PDB file of N, CA and C in Angstrom:
ATOM      1  N   MET A   1       2.468  46.300 -10.447  1.00  0.00           N
ATOM      2  CA  MET A   1       3.502  46.444  -9.447  1.00  0.00           C
ATOM      3  C   MET A   1       4.210  47.796  -9.553  1.00  0.00           C
ATOM      4  N   GLY A   2       4.189  48.421 -10.727  1.00  0.00           N
ATOM      5  CA  GLY A   2       4.845  49.702 -10.922  1.00  0.00           C
ATOM      6  C   GLY A   2       4.264  50.785 -10.042  1.00  0.00           C
ATOM      7  N   ILE A   3       2.950  50.753  -9.852  1.00  0.00           N
ATOM      8  CA  ILE A   3       2.288  51.763  -9.015  1.00  0.00           C
ATOM      9  C   ILE A   3       2.725  51.605  -7.569  1.00  0.00           C
ATOM     10  N   LEU A   4       2.798  50.378  -7.091  1.00  0.00           N
ATOM     11  CA  LEU A   4       3.221  50.135  -5.712  1.00  0.00           C
ATOM     12  C   LEU A   4       4.671  50.545  -5.507  1.00  0.00           C
ATOM     13  N   LYS A   5       5.502  50.259  -6.491  1.00  0.00           N
ATOM     14  CA  LYS A   5       6.912  50.640  -6.397  1.00  0.00           C
ATOM     15  C   LYS A   5       7.035  52.162  -6.346  1.00  0.00           C
ATOM     16  N   ASP A   6       6.312  52.858  -7.224  1.00  0.00           N
ATOM     17  CA  ASP A   6       6.333  54.321  -7.237  1.00  0.00           C
ATOM     18  C   ASP A   6       5.806  54.889  -5.925  1.00  0.00           C
ATOM     19  N   ALA A   7       4.745  54.300  -5.413  1.00  0.00           N
ATOM     20  CA  ALA A   7       4.178  54.756  -4.140  1.00  0.00           C
ATOM     21  C   ALA A   7       5.182  54.544  -3.017  1.00  0.00           C
ATOM     22  N   GLY A   8       5.853  53.411  -3.039  1.00  0.00           N
ATOM     23  CA  GLY A   8       6.868  53.123  -2.018  1.00  0.00           C
ATOM     24  C   GLY A   8       8.018  54.107  -2.080  1.00  0.00           C
ATOM     25  N   GLU A   9       8.482  54.409  -3.297  1.00  0.00           N
ATOM     26  CA  GLU A   9       9.570  55.373  -3.460  1.00  0.00           C
ATOM     27  C   GLU A   9       9.133  56.766  -3.011  1.00  0.00           C
ATOM     28  N   SER A  10       7.906  57.130  -3.320  1.00  0.00           N
ATOM     29  CA  SER A  10       7.380  58.431  -2.892  1.00  0.00           C
ATOM     30  C   SER A  10       7.309  58.510  -1.375  1.00  0.00           C
ATOM     31  N   LEU A  11       6.886  57.425  -0.766  1.00  0.00           N
ATOM     32  CA  LEU A  11       6.791  57.384   0.693  1.00  0.00           C
ATOM     33  C   LEU A  11       8.174  57.492   1.331  1.00  0.00           C
ATOM     34  N   VAL A  12       9.145  56.797   0.766  1.00  0.00           N
ATOM     35  CA  VAL A  12      10.518  56.870   1.272  1.00  0.00           C
ATOM     36  C   VAL A  12      11.050  58.290   1.105  1.00  0.00           C
ATOM     37  N   ASN A  13      10.817  58.901  -0.052  1.00  0.00           N
ATOM     38  CA  ASN A  13      11.262  60.264  -0.312  1.00  0.00           C
ATOM     39  C   ASN A  13      10.611  61.237   0.672  1.00  0.00           C
ATOM     40  N   PHE A  14       9.319  61.088   0.878  1.00  0.00           N
ATOM     41  CA  PHE A  14       8.605  61.939   1.830  1.00  0.00           C
ATOM     42  C   PHE A  14       9.172  61.758   3.233  1.00  0.00           C
ATOM     43  N   SER A  15       9.433  60.520   3.621  1.00  0.00           N
ATOM     44  CA  SER A  15       9.975  60.232   4.956  1.00  0.00           C
ATOM     45  C   SER A  15      11.341  60.877   5.141  1.00  0.00           C
ATOM     46  N   GLU A  16      12.186  60.797   4.117  1.00  0.00           N
ATOM     47  CA  GLU A  16      13.508  61.420   4.194  1.00  0.00           C
ATOM     48  C   GLU A  16      13.388  62.931   4.353  1.00  0.00           C
ATOM     49  N   ARG A  17      12.513  63.535   3.585  1.00  0.00           N
ATOM     50  CA  ARG A  17      12.312  64.987   3.687  1.00  0.00           C
ATOM     51  C   ARG A  17      11.752  65.362   5.061  1.00  0.00           C
ATOM     52  N   PHE A  18      10.828  64.556   5.545  1.00  0.00           N
ATOM     53  CA  PHE A  18      10.234  64.809   6.856  1.00  0.00           C
ATOM     54  C   PHE A  18      11.305  64.743   7.944  1.00  0.00           C
ATOM     55  N   LEU A  19      12.151  63.725   7.893  1.00  0.00           N
ATOM     56  CA  LEU A  19      13.220  63.590   8.880  1.00  0.00           C
ATOM     57  C   LEU A  19      14.219  64.735   8.770  1.00  0.00           C
ATOM     58  N   ASP A  20      14.557  65.131   7.547  1.00  0.00           N
ATOM     59  CA  ASP A  20      15.470  66.255   7.360  1.00  0.00           C
ATOM     60  C   ASP A  20      14.882  67.547   7.922  1.00  0.00           C
ATOM     61  N   LYS A  21      13.599  67.774   7.665  1.00  0.00           N
ATOM     62  CA  LYS A  21      12.950  68.988   8.170  1.00  0.00           C
ATOM     63  C   LYS A  21      12.924  68.977   9.696  1.00  0.00           C
ATOM     64  N   THR A  22      12.664  67.815  10.273  1.00  0.00           N
ATOM     65  CA  THR A  22      12.661  67.682  11.728  1.00  0.00           C
ATOM     66  C   THR A  22      14.045  67.991  12.287  1.00  0.00           C
ATOM     67  N   GLU A  23      15.073  67.472  11.630  1.00  0.00           N
ATOM     68  CA  GLU A  23      16.444  67.733  12.058  1.00  0.00           C
ATOM     69  C   GLU A  23      16.776  69.217  11.935  1.00  0.00           C
ATOM     70  N   GLU A  24      16.369  69.832  10.836  1.00  0.00           N
ATOM     71  CA  GLU A  24      16.602  71.261  10.631  1.00  0.00           C
ATOM     72  C   GLU A  24      15.941  72.080  11.738  1.00  0.00           C
ATOM     73  N   LEU A  25      14.683  71.789  12.013  1.00  0.00           N
ATOM     74  CA  LEU A  25      13.956  72.534  13.046  1.00  0.00           C
ATOM     75  C   LEU A  25      14.565  72.316  14.424  1.00  0.00           C
ATOM     76  N   ALA A  26      15.044  71.115  14.693  1.00  0.00           N
ATOM     77  CA  ALA A  26      15.681  70.833  15.982  1.00  0.00           C
ATOM     78  C   ALA A  26      16.969  71.639  16.129  1.00  0.00           C
ATOM     79  N   GLN A  27      17.761  71.708  15.071  1.00  0.00           N
ATOM     80  CA  GLN A  27      18.995  72.498  15.120  1.00  0.00           C
ATOM     81  C   GLN A  27      18.686  73.976  15.325  1.00  0.00           C
ATOM     82  N   ILE A  28      17.699  74.474  14.602  1.00  0.00           N
ATOM     83  CA  ILE A  28      17.322  75.884  14.736  1.00  0.00           C
ATOM     84  C   ILE A  28      16.797  76.165  16.142  1.00  0.00           C
ATOM     85  N   ALA A  29      16.007  75.258  16.686  1.00  0.00           N
ATOM     86  CA  ALA A  29      15.468  75.438  18.041  1.00  0.00           C
ATOM     87  C   ALA A  29      16.589  75.466  19.074  1.00  0.00           C
ATOM     88  N   ARG A  30      17.581  74.592  18.914  1.00  0.00           N
ATOM     89  CA  ARG A  30      18.709  74.555  19.850  1.00  0.00           C
ATOM     90  C   ARG A  30      19.475  75.877  19.806  1.00  0.00           C
ATOM     91  N   ILE A  31      19.761  76.356  18.613  1.00  0.00           N
ATOM     92  CA  ILE A  31      20.502  77.607  18.465  1.00  0.00           C
ATOM     93  C   ILE A  31      19.675  78.782  18.985  1.00  0.00           C
ATOM     94  N   THR A  32      18.379  78.768  18.725  1.00  0.00           N
ATOM     95  CA  THR A  32      17.491  79.832  19.209  1.00  0.00           C
ATOM     96  C   THR A  32      17.488  79.878  20.734  1.00  0.00           C
ATOM     97  N   MET A  33      17.495  78.717  21.369  1.00  0.00           N
ATOM     98  CA  MET A  33      17.549  78.678  22.839  1.00  0.00           C
ATOM     99  C   MET A  33      18.862  79.273  23.348  1.00  0.00           C
ATOM    100  N   GLU A  34      19.953  79.009  22.658  1.00  0.00           N
ATOM    101  CA  GLU A  34      21.237  79.593  23.036  1.00  0.00           C
ATOM    102  C   GLU A  34      21.183  81.116  22.912  1.00  0.00           C
ATOM    103  N   ILE A  35      20.542  81.602  21.866  1.00  0.00           N
ATOM    104  CA  ILE A  35      20.384  83.049  21.680  1.00  0.00           C
ATOM    105  C   ILE A  35      19.552  83.634  22.814  1.00  0.00           C
ATOM    106  N   LYS A  36      18.459  82.967  23.164  1.00  0.00           N
ATOM    107  CA  LYS A  36      17.585  83.455  24.247  1.00  0.00           C
ATOM    108  C   LYS A  36      18.349  83.526  25.569  1.00  0.00           C
ATOM    109  N   LYS A  37      19.209  82.542  25.830  1.00  0.00           N
ATOM    110  CA  LYS A  37      20.013  82.557  27.060  1.00  0.00           C
ATOM    111  C   LYS A  37      20.959  83.754  27.070  1.00  0.00           C
ATOM    112  N   LEU A  38      21.581  84.021  25.937  1.00  0.00           N
ATOM    113  CA  LEU A  38      22.479  85.173  25.849  1.00  0.00           C
ATOM    114  C   LEU A  38      21.710  86.480  26.028  1.00  0.00           C
ATOM    115  N   GLU A  39      20.541  86.580  25.410  1.00  0.00           N
ATOM    116  CA  GLU A  39      19.716  87.786  25.563  1.00  0.00           C
ATOM    117  C   GLU A  39      19.295  87.973  27.017  1.00  0.00           C
ATOM    118  N   HIS A  40      18.973  86.884  27.690  1.00  0.00           N
ATOM    119  CA  HIS A  40      18.607  86.959  29.106  1.00  0.00           C
ATOM    120  C   HIS A  40      19.806  87.431  29.936  1.00  0.00           C
ATOM    121  N   SER A  41      20.980  86.927  29.615  1.00  0.00           N
ATOM    122  CA  SER A  41      22.188  87.350  30.330  1.00  0.00           C
ATOM    123  C   SER A  41      22.450  88.836  30.130  1.00  0.00           C
ATOM    124  N   ILE A  42      22.213  89.332  28.926  1.00  0.00           N
ATOM    125  CA  ILE A  42      22.385  90.764  28.658  1.00  0.00           C
ATOM    126  C   ILE A  42      21.411  91.574  29.510  1.00  0.00           C
ATOM    127  N   LYS A  43      20.168  91.129  29.596  1.00  0.00           N
ATOM    128  CA  LYS A  43      19.178  91.836  30.418  1.00  0.00           C
ATOM    129  C   LYS A  43      19.596  91.857  31.882  1.00  0.00           C
ATOM    130  N   GLU A  44      20.174  90.766  32.366  1.00  0.00           N
ATOM    131  CA  GLU A  44      20.651  90.725  33.752  1.00  0.00           C
ATOM    132  C   GLU A  44      21.787  91.716  33.965  1.00  0.00           C
ATOM    133  N   ILE A  45      22.675  91.818  32.987  1.00  0.00           N
ATOM    134  CA  ILE A  45      23.778  92.778  33.095  1.00  0.00           C
ATOM    135  C   ILE A  45      23.228  94.201  33.105  1.00  0.00           C
ATOM    136  N   TYR A  46      22.256  94.486  32.234  1.00  0.00           N
ATOM    137  CA  TYR A  46      21.620  95.808  32.251  1.00  0.00           C
ATOM    138  C   TYR A  46      21.025  96.096  33.629  1.00  0.00           C
ATOM    139  N   LEU A  47      20.340  95.123  34.186  1.00  0.00           N
ATOM    140  CA  LEU A  47      19.719  95.285  35.498  1.00  0.00           C
ATOM    141  C   LEU A  47      20.773  95.546  36.570  1.00  0.00           C
ATOM    142  N   ASN A  48      21.825  94.739  36.575  1.00  0.00           N
ATOM    143  CA  ASN A  48      22.889  94.905  37.568  1.00  0.00           C
ATOM    144  C   ASN A  48      23.632  96.223  37.391  1.00  0.00           C
ATOM    145  N   THR A  49      23.797  96.644  36.148  1.00  0.00           N
ATOM    146  CA  THR A  49      24.462  97.917  35.884  1.00  0.00           C
ATOM    147  C   THR A  49      23.602  99.074  36.384  1.00  0.00           C
ATOM    148  N   GLY A  50      22.312  98.994  36.141  1.00  0.00           N
ATOM    149  CA  GLY A  50      21.407 100.025  36.648  1.00  0.00           C
ATOM    150  C   GLY A  50      21.419 100.099  38.163  1.00  0.00           C
ATOM    151  N   LYS A  51      21.424  98.945  38.809  1.00  0.00           N
ATOM    152  CA  LYS A  51      21.492  98.906  40.279  1.00  0.00           C
ATOM    153  C   LYS A  51      22.814  99.502  40.756  1.00  0.00           C
ATOM    154  N   TYR A  52      23.893  99.159  40.071  1.00  0.00           N
ATOM    155  CA  TYR A  52      25.210  99.682  40.433  1.00  0.00           C
ATOM    156  C   TYR A  52      25.232 101.210  40.316  1.00  0.00           C
ATOM    157  N   VAL A  53      24.721 101.725  39.208  1.00  0.00           N
ATOM    158  CA  VAL A  53      24.690 103.177  39.003  1.00  0.00           C
ATOM    159  C   VAL A  53      23.820 103.837  40.067  1.00  0.00           C
ATOM    160  N   TYR A  54      22.669 103.249  40.346  1.00  0.00           N
ATOM    161  CA  TYR A  54      21.782 103.785  41.378  1.00  0.00           C
ATOM    162  C   TYR A  54      22.509 103.848  42.725  1.00  0.00           C
ATOM    163  N   ASP A  55      23.156 102.751  43.103  1.00  0.00           N
ATOM    164  CA  ASP A  55      23.883 102.712  44.380  1.00  0.00           C
ATOM    165  C   ASP A  55      24.994 103.757  44.420  1.00  0.00           C
ATOM    166  N   GLN A  56      25.673 103.957  43.305  1.00  0.00           N
ATOM    167  CA  GLN A  56      26.733 104.961  43.250  1.00  0.00           C
ATOM    168  C   GLN A  56      26.157 106.366  43.444  1.00  0.00           C
ATOM    169  N   VAL A  57      25.045 106.649  42.779  1.00  0.00           N
ATOM    170  CA  VAL A  57      24.430 107.975  42.875  1.00  0.00           C
ATOM    171  C   VAL A  57      23.922 108.225  44.291  1.00  0.00           C
ATOM    172  N   VAL A  58      23.250 107.233  44.872  1.00  0.00           N
ATOM    173  CA  VAL A  58      22.713 107.376  46.223  1.00  0.00           C
ATOM    174  C   VAL A  58      23.839 107.595  47.233  1.00  0.00           C
ATOM    175  N   SER A  59      24.983 107.002  46.987  1.00  0.00           N
ATOM    176  CA  SER A  59      26.129 107.132  47.895  1.00  0.00           C
ATOM    177  C   SER A  59      26.994 108.342  47.564  1.00  0.00           C
ATOM    178  N   ASP A  60      26.528 109.193  46.654  1.00  0.00           N
ATOM    179  CA  ASP A  60      27.264 110.391  46.223  1.00  0.00           C
ATOM    180  C   ASP A  60      28.647 110.075  45.664  1.00  0.00           C
ATOM    181  N   ARG A  61      28.760 108.943  45.007  1.00  0.00           N
ATOM    182  CA  ARG A  61      30.022 108.593  44.353  1.00  0.00           C
ATOM    183  C   ARG A  61      29.916 108.989  42.884  1.00  0.00           C
ATOM    184  N   THR A  62      31.058 109.264  42.298  1.00  0.00           N
ATOM    185  CA  THR A  62      31.052 109.623  40.878  1.00  0.00           C
ATOM    186  C   THR A  62      31.002 108.356  40.026  1.00  0.00           C
ATOM    187  N   ILE A  63      30.416 108.518  38.862  1.00  0.00           N
ATOM    188  CA  ILE A  63      30.325 107.407  37.920  1.00  0.00           C
ATOM    189  C   ILE A  63      31.070 107.821  36.661  1.00  0.00           C
ATOM    190  N   SER A  64      31.851 106.895  36.141  1.00  0.00           N
ATOM    191  CA  SER A  64      32.633 107.187  34.951  1.00  0.00           C
ATOM    192  C   SER A  64      32.640 105.981  34.023  1.00  0.00           C
ATOM    193  N   ASN A  65      32.856 106.265  32.764  1.00  0.00           N
ATOM    194  CA  ASN A  65      32.945 105.152  31.819  1.00  0.00           C
ATOM    195  C   ASN A  65      34.279 104.412  31.937  1.00  0.00           C
ATOM    196  N   THR A  66      35.138 104.868  32.833  1.00  0.00           N
ATOM    197  CA  THR A  66      36.388 104.157  33.101  1.00  0.00           C
ATOM    198  C   THR A  66      36.278 103.286  34.347  1.00  0.00           C
ATOM    199  N   ASP A  67      35.117 103.270  34.955  1.00  0.00           N
ATOM    200  CA  ASP A  67      34.858 102.432  36.129  1.00  0.00           C
ATOM    201  C   ASP A  67      34.990 100.956  35.725  1.00  0.00           C
ATOM    202  N   ASP A  68      35.719 100.181  36.514  1.00  0.00           N
ATOM    203  CA  ASP A  68      35.957  98.763  36.191  1.00  0.00           C
ATOM    204  C   ASP A  68      34.660  97.985  36.001  1.00  0.00           C
ATOM    205  N   PHE A  69      33.680  98.224  36.863  1.00  0.00           N
ATOM    206  CA  PHE A  69      32.405  97.507  36.757  1.00  0.00           C
ATOM    207  C   PHE A  69      31.734  97.803  35.419  1.00  0.00           C
ATOM    208  N   ILE A  70      31.719  99.083  35.057  1.00  0.00           N
ATOM    209  CA  ILE A  70      31.088  99.507  33.803  1.00  0.00           C
ATOM    210  C   ILE A  70      31.853  98.940  32.603  1.00  0.00           C
ATOM    211  N   ILE A  71      33.167  99.001  32.642  1.00  0.00           N
ATOM    212  CA  ILE A  71      33.990  98.485  31.542  1.00  0.00           C
ATOM    213  C   ILE A  71      33.725  96.998  31.325  1.00  0.00           C
ATOM    214  N   LYS A  72      33.700  96.232  32.417  1.00  0.00           N
ATOM    215  CA  LYS A  72      33.454  94.789  32.312  1.00  0.00           C
ATOM    216  C   LYS A  72      32.044  94.502  31.799  1.00  0.00           C
ATOM    217  N   ALA A  73      31.070  95.266  32.276  1.00  0.00           N
ATOM    218  CA  ALA A  73      29.685  95.061  31.837  1.00  0.00           C
ATOM    219  C   ALA A  73      29.550  95.333  30.339  1.00  0.00           C
ATOM    220  N   VAL A  74      30.121  96.429  29.883  1.00  0.00           N
ATOM    221  CA  VAL A  74      30.046  96.783  28.460  1.00  0.00           C
ATOM    222  C   VAL A  74      30.764  95.730  27.609  1.00  0.00           C
ATOM    223  N   ALA A  75      31.931  95.285  28.064  1.00  0.00           N
ATOM    224  CA  ALA A  75      32.684  94.272  27.314  1.00  0.00           C
ATOM    225  C   ALA A  75      31.900  92.965  27.221  1.00  0.00           C
ATOM    226  N   THR A  76      31.272  92.573  28.313  1.00  0.00           N
ATOM    227  CA  THR A  76      30.497  91.332  28.318  1.00  0.00           C
ATOM    228  C   THR A  76      29.284  91.448  27.404  1.00  0.00           C
ATOM    229  N   ILE A  77      28.588  92.573  27.470  1.00  0.00           N
ATOM    230  CA  ILE A  77      27.428  92.789  26.595  1.00  0.00           C
ATOM    231  C   ILE A  77      27.855  92.739  25.129  1.00  0.00           C
ATOM    232  N   ASN A  78      28.947  93.416  24.801  1.00  0.00           N
ATOM    233  CA  ASN A  78      29.429  93.402  23.414  1.00  0.00           C
ATOM    234  C   ASN A  78      29.803  91.989  22.971  1.00  0.00           C
ATOM    235  N   ASP A  79      30.428  91.232  23.868  1.00  0.00           N
ATOM    236  CA  ASP A  79      30.787  89.844  23.567  1.00  0.00           C
ATOM    237  C   ASP A  79      29.536  89.010  23.302  1.00  0.00           C
ATOM    238  N   TYR A  80      28.532  89.159  24.158  1.00  0.00           N
ATOM    239  CA  TYR A  80      27.285  88.407  23.987  1.00  0.00           C
ATOM    240  C   TYR A  80      26.566  88.799  22.700  1.00  0.00           C
ATOM    241  N   LYS A  81      26.583  90.087  22.371  1.00  0.00           N
ATOM    242  CA  LYS A  81      25.941  90.535  21.128  1.00  0.00           C
ATOM    243  C   LYS A  81      26.648  89.945  19.907  1.00  0.00           C
ATOM    244  N   THR A  82      27.963  89.847  19.977  1.00  0.00           N
ATOM    245  CA  THR A  82      28.722  89.216  18.891  1.00  0.00           C
ATOM    246  C   THR A  82      28.345  87.748  18.768  1.00  0.00           C
ATOM    247  N   LYS A  83      28.236  87.064  19.909  1.00  0.00           N
ATOM    248  CA  LYS A  83      27.854  85.650  19.900  1.00  0.00           C
ATOM    249  C   LYS A  83      26.444  85.463  19.344  1.00  0.00           C
ATOM    250  N   ILE A  84      25.543  86.376  19.687  1.00  0.00           N
ATOM    251  CA  ILE A  84      24.170  86.303  19.167  1.00  0.00           C
ATOM    252  C   ILE A  84      24.184  86.430  17.645  1.00  0.00           C
ATOM    253  N   GLN A  85      24.964  87.369  17.129  1.00  0.00           N
ATOM    254  CA  GLN A  85      25.052  87.547  15.676  1.00  0.00           C
ATOM    255  C   GLN A  85      25.621  86.290  15.016  1.00  0.00           C
ATOM    256  N   GLU A  86      26.632  85.691  15.642  1.00  0.00           N
ATOM    257  CA  GLU A  86      27.212  84.456  15.101  1.00  0.00           C
ATOM    258  C   GLU A  86      26.174  83.336  15.075  1.00  0.00           C
ATOM    259  N   LYS A  87      25.377  83.250  16.117  1.00  0.00           N
ATOM    260  CA  LYS A  87      24.355  82.205  16.188  1.00  0.00           C
ATOM    261  C   LYS A  87      23.241  82.457  15.168  1.00  0.00           C
ATOM    262  N   GLN A  88      22.898  83.730  14.936  1.00  0.00           N
ATOM    263  CA  GLN A  88      21.914  84.046  13.900  1.00  0.00           C
ATOM    264  C   GLN A  88      22.448  83.656  12.520  1.00  0.00           C
ATOM    265  N   ASN A  89      23.738  83.873  12.310  1.00  0.00           N
ATOM    266  CA  ASN A  89      24.363  83.442  11.057  1.00  0.00           C
ATOM    267  C   ASN A  89      24.350  81.917  10.946  1.00  0.00           C
ATOM    268  N   GLU A  90      24.557  81.254  12.070  1.00  0.00           N
ATOM    269  CA  GLU A  90      24.522  79.790  12.098  1.00  0.00           C
ATOM    270  C   GLU A  90      23.132  79.272  11.705  1.00  0.00           C
ATOM    271  N   ILE A  91      22.093  79.926  12.209  1.00  0.00           N
ATOM    272  CA  ILE A  91      20.720  79.551  11.838  1.00  0.00           C
ATOM    273  C   ILE A  91      20.527  79.707  10.337  1.00  0.00           C
ATOM    274  N   GLN A  92      21.013  80.805   9.789  1.00  0.00           N
ATOM    275  CA  GLN A  92      20.875  81.041   8.348  1.00  0.00           C
ATOM    276  C   GLN A  92      21.587  79.951   7.549  1.00  0.00           C
ATOM    277  N   LYS A  93      22.764  79.532   8.015  1.00  0.00           N
ATOM    278  CA  LYS A  93      23.504  78.471   7.321  1.00  0.00           C
ATOM    279  C   LYS A  93      22.750  77.148   7.375  1.00  0.00           C
ATOM    280  N   VAL A  94      22.128  76.856   8.516  1.00  0.00           N
ATOM    281  CA  VAL A  94      21.338  75.627   8.633  1.00  0.00           C
ATOM    282  C   VAL A  94      20.191  75.665   7.631  1.00  0.00           C
ATOM    283  N   LYS A  95      19.492  76.795   7.565  1.00  0.00           N
ATOM    284  CA  LYS A  95      18.374  76.933   6.621  1.00  0.00           C
ATOM    285  C   LYS A  95      18.851  76.778   5.181  1.00  0.00           C
ATOM    286  N   GLU A  96      19.965  77.427   4.856  1.00  0.00           N
ATOM    287  CA  GLU A  96      20.494  77.353   3.494  1.00  0.00           C
ATOM    288  C   GLU A  96      20.921  75.929   3.143  1.00  0.00           C
ATOM    289  N   HIS A  97      21.499  75.227   4.114  1.00  0.00           N
ATOM    290  CA  HIS A  97      21.928  73.846   3.881  1.00  0.00           C
ATOM    291  C   HIS A  97      20.746  72.971   3.484  1.00  0.00           C
ATOM    292  N   TYR A  98      19.684  73.060   4.244  1.00  0.00           N
ATOM    293  CA  TYR A  98      18.527  72.210   3.964  1.00  0.00           C
ATOM    294  C   TYR A  98      17.761  72.673   2.729  1.00  0.00           C
ATOM    295  N   GLU A  99      17.769  73.987   2.473  1.00  0.00           N
ATOM    296  CA  GLU A  99      17.133  74.496   1.253  1.00  0.00           C
ATOM    297  C   GLU A  99      17.856  73.982   0.019  1.00  0.00           C
ATOM    298  N   SER A 100      19.184  74.047   0.057  1.00  0.00           N
ATOM    299  CA  SER A 100      19.970  73.628  -1.107  1.00  0.00           C
ATOM    300  C   SER A 100      19.874  72.127  -1.339  1.00  0.00           C
ATOM    301  N   LYS A 101      19.582  71.392  -0.301  1.00  0.00           N
ATOM    302  CA  LYS A 101      19.484  69.940  -0.419  1.00  0.00           C
ATOM    303  C   LYS A 101      18.317  69.528  -1.314  1.00  0.00           C
ATOM    304  N   TYR A 102      17.243  70.308  -1.283  1.00  0.00           N
ATOM    305  CA  TYR A 102      16.044  69.934  -2.034  1.00  0.00           C
ATOM    306  C   TYR A 102      15.698  70.883  -3.168  1.00  0.00           C
ATOM    307  N   HIS A 103      16.390  71.998  -3.269  1.00  0.00           N
ATOM    308  CA  HIS A 103      16.079  72.974  -4.326  1.00  0.00           C
ATOM    309  C   HIS A 103      17.291  73.170  -5.225  1.00  0.00           C
ATOM    310  N   ARG A 104      17.678  72.139  -5.885  1.00  0.00           N
ATOM    311  CA  ARG A 104      18.870  72.216  -6.744  1.00  0.00           C
ATOM    312  C   ARG A 104      18.499  72.594  -8.131  1.00  0.00           C
TER     313      ARG A 104
END
């Protein structure tokens, strides 16, 4: 009976680790998707800013770094980049949490 008990405990241990790994990967995937959305938003701002600059040049208007549109675009991009860094740190914390759980 000792072998069956050991096998059962091993199976339970494996199942717990499997579920934990699945949970870890799900959390990382969710955060990664949030990062991808922010990166996509940054690309859209770059695109809109380029279109804005093009329209200004074609219309013989001056462009300045004090332009409200440019200021808002830069501020939003910087905000999104900060959020991306925070989310990357969050991913690292998730990995460290699960690593420390099994590598003590």
